[in-house]
Amino acid sequence: MDLIADILLAAGALGAGFYCFVLSRRLKRFNDLEKGVGGAVAVLSSQVDDLNKSFATARQMTEGSSQALDQLTGRAESVAQRLELMMASMHDMPEAAAQPQRVVSAQAAPAVAEENDALAVAYEAEVVPEPEVEEPAQPSGVMFVRHKRDKNRVA
């Protein structure tokens, strides 16, 4: 009986040794840097690093574009204000068609000329010169980033 127990114990030990050998080979293939999961992890790690670099570059470009857009928006607002002032000053000007044409005799011509000169001087005194606005410097170059849109994604 002892002999049978020793034989079964030896067979079990050999079976466990063979099983460990097979597991060791599988584990080596699993961690192989070229073909196994180790290689996939290494590739994914390098891709994550590349994506981080691309993201940082894209962030810098969008910040530059944002600043350029802010400058252009400020410039457009100042131009719009100047246009509004010009339009408001146009409403204050007398319309030529609304004024009746006067026929002036030769004797009254000097008096009418003096009256027109006085009106012109009074009008020029009312006109307020518009303030000079410094225009911001144009950006030397603006880069745009094109994004792929996901058709399934709702904006």
Protein backbone atom coordinates (compact mmCIF):
# COMPACT_ATOMS: atom_id res chain seq x y z
CA MET A 1 0.00 0.00 0.00
CA ASP A 2 2.85 2.32 0.76
CA LEU A 3 4.31 1.58 -2.63
CA ILE A 4 1.09 2.52 -4.43
CA ALA A 5 0.83 5.74 -2.40
CA ASP A 6 4.43 6.64 -3.29
CA ILE A 7 3.80 6.01 -7.00
CA LEU A 8 0.65 8.17 -6.97
CA LEU A 9 2.49 10.91 -5.06
CA ALA A 10 5.36 10.87 -7.62
CA ALA A 11 2.87 10.95 -10.52
CA GLY A 12 1.07 13.90 -8.94
CA ALA A 13 4.38 15.72 -8.45
CA LEU A 14 5.37 15.10 -12.09
CA GLY A 15 1.93 16.31 -13.28
CA ALA A 16 2.21 19.47 -11.17
CA GLY A 17 5.75 20.08 -12.51
CA PHE A 18 4.54 19.68 -16.12
CA TYR A 19 1.61 22.02 -15.43
CA CYS A 20 4.00 24.64 -13.97
CA PHE A 21 6.24 24.31 -17.05
CA VAL A 22 3.28 24.91 -19.40
CA LEU A 23 2.11 27.90 -17.32
CA SER A 24 5.61 29.39 -17.34
CA ARG A 25 5.80 29.22 -21.17
CA ARG A 26 2.33 30.81 -21.50
CA LEU A 27 3.28 33.58 -19.07
CA LYS A 28 6.45 34.32 -21.05
CA ARG A 29 4.45 34.61 -24.27
CA PHE A 30 1.86 36.76 -22.50
CA ASN A 31 4.48 39.25 -21.29
CA ASP A 32 6.48 39.25 -24.53
CA LEU A 33 7.17 42.88 -25.57
CA GLU A 34 6.73 42.21 -29.29
CA LYS A 35 3.69 39.95 -29.55
CA GLY A 36 1.99 39.66 -26.21
CA VAL A 37 0.02 41.92 -23.89
CA GLY A 38 3.25 43.58 -22.76
CA GLY A 39 3.75 44.83 -26.32
CA ALA A 40 0.18 46.07 -26.47
CA VAL A 41 0.65 47.92 -23.18
CA ALA A 42 3.89 49.47 -24.46
CA VAL A 43 2.20 50.60 -27.70
CA LEU A 44 -0.75 52.05 -25.82
CA SER A 45 1.57 53.89 -23.45
CA SER A 46 3.45 55.51 -26.35
CA GLN A 47 0.13 56.45 -28.00
CA VAL A 48 -1.05 58.11 -24.78
CA ASP A 49 2.17 60.15 -24.68
CA ASP A 50 1.67 61.21 -28.31
CA LEU A 51 -1.94 62.18 -27.60
CA ASN A 52 -0.87 64.28 -24.60
CA LYS A 53 1.64 66.13 -26.77
CA SER A 54 -0.97 66.68 -29.49
CA PHE A 55 -3.47 67.90 -26.92
CA ALA A 56 -0.97 70.41 -25.50
CA THR A 57 -0.20 71.70 -29.01
CA ALA A 58 -3.90 71.99 -29.85
CA ARG A 59 -4.53 73.86 -26.59
CA GLN A 60 -1.79 76.38 -27.41
CA MET A 61 -3.20 76.92 -30.91
CA THR A 62 -6.73 77.42 -29.61
CA GLU A 63 -5.51 79.92 -27.02
CA GLY A 64 -3.73 81.86 -29.78
CA SER A 65 -6.83 81.74 -31.97
CA SER A 66 -8.97 82.83 -29.04
CA GLN A 67 -6.74 85.84 -28.37
CA ALA A 68 -6.78 86.80 -32.05
CA LEU A 69 -10.56 86.48 -32.11
CA ASP A 70 -10.87 88.63 -28.98
CA GLN A 71 -8.72 91.32 -30.61
CA LEU A 72 -10.76 91.23 -33.80
CA THR A 73 -14.01 91.37 -31.82
CA GLY A 74 -12.79 94.40 -29.86
CA ARG A 75 -11.75 96.09 -33.08
CA ALA A 76 -15.13 95.35 -34.66
CA GLU A 77 -16.94 96.77 -31.63
CA SER A 78 -14.92 99.99 -31.79
CA VAL A 79 -15.65 100.32 -35.50
CA ALA A 80 -19.35 99.70 -34.82
CA GLN A 81 -19.34 102.47 -32.19
CA ARG A 82 -17.69 104.85 -34.64
CA LEU A 83 -20.28 103.97 -37.28
CA GLU A 84 -23.09 104.58 -34.80
CA LEU A 85 -21.63 107.99 -34.00
CA MET A 86 -21.39 108.79 -37.71
CA MET A 87 -24.99 107.70 -38.28
CA ALA A 88 -26.14 109.82 -35.33
CA SER A 89 -24.26 112.83 -36.68
CA MET A 90 -25.90 112.31 -40.08
CA HIS A 91 -29.31 112.73 -38.45
CA ASP A 92 -28.25 116.15 -37.15
CA MET A 93 -27.28 117.44 -40.60
CA PRO A 94 -29.89 119.52 -42.41
CA GLU A 95 -31.36 117.85 -45.45
CA ALA A 96 -30.93 119.74 -48.72
CA ALA A 97 -34.23 118.51 -50.16
CA ALA A 98 -36.24 119.56 -47.09
CA GLN A 99 -35.06 123.21 -47.26
CA PRO A 100 -36.99 125.40 -49.67
CA GLN A 101 -34.97 127.06 -52.41
CA ARG A 102 -34.90 130.84 -52.06
CA VAL A 103 -34.66 133.14 -54.97
CA VAL A 104 -32.36 135.97 -54.01
CA SER A 105 -32.31 139.30 -55.74
CA ALA A 106 -29.01 140.98 -56.56
CA GLN A 107 -29.51 143.52 -53.78
CA ALA A 108 -30.10 140.91 -51.04
CA ALA A 109 -27.26 138.58 -52.15
CA PRO A 110 -24.58 139.98 -49.76
CA ALA A 111 -26.94 139.66 -46.77
CA VAL A 112 -27.82 136.05 -47.64
CA ALA A 113 -24.12 135.20 -48.08
CA GLU A 114 -23.34 136.60 -44.61
CA GLU A 115 -26.24 134.60 -43.14
CA ASN A 116 -24.97 131.39 -44.78
CA ASP A 117 -21.46 132.07 -43.46
CA ALA A 118 -22.84 132.57 -39.94
CA LEU A 119 -24.82 129.31 -40.17
CA ALA A 120 -21.73 127.44 -41.42
CA VAL A 121 -19.62 128.77 -38.53
CA ALA A 122 -22.34 127.81 -36.02
CA TYR A 123 -22.62 124.32 -37.51
CA GLU A 124 -18.85 123.77 -37.46
CA ALA A 125 -18.79 124.81 -33.79
CA GLU A 126 -21.37 122.09 -32.99
CA VAL A 127 -19.45 119.28 -34.70
CA VAL A 128 -17.41 117.28 -32.20
CA PRO A 129 -14.34 115.59 -33.61
CA GLU A 130 -14.33 111.86 -33.04
CA PRO A 131 -11.62 110.51 -30.75
CA GLU A 132 -8.75 108.65 -32.36
CA VAL A 133 -8.68 105.00 -31.46
CA GLU A 134 -5.49 102.98 -31.67
CA GLU A 135 -6.07 99.85 -33.65
CA PRO A 136 -4.59 96.68 -32.16
CA ALA A 137 -1.78 95.05 -34.06
CA GLN A 138 -2.80 92.35 -36.49
CA PRO A 139 -1.64 88.88 -35.48
CA SER A 140 1.16 87.66 -37.73
CA GLY A 141 -0.48 84.30 -38.35
CA VAL A 142 -3.45 82.35 -37.11
CA MET A 143 -3.59 78.58 -37.22
CA PHE A 144 -6.85 76.74 -37.34
CA VAL A 145 -7.38 73.21 -36.12
CA ARG A 146 -9.83 71.03 -37.96
CA HIS A 147 -11.76 68.56 -35.85
CA LYS A 148 -13.48 65.41 -36.99
CA ARG A 149 -17.08 65.48 -35.91
CA ASP A 150 -18.81 62.42 -34.68
CA LYS A 151 -22.12 62.12 -36.53
CA ASN A 152 -23.74 60.30 -33.62
CA ARG A 153 -22.76 62.92 -31.08
CA VAL A 154 -25.31 65.61 -30.32
CA ALA A 155 -23.80 69.09 -29.97
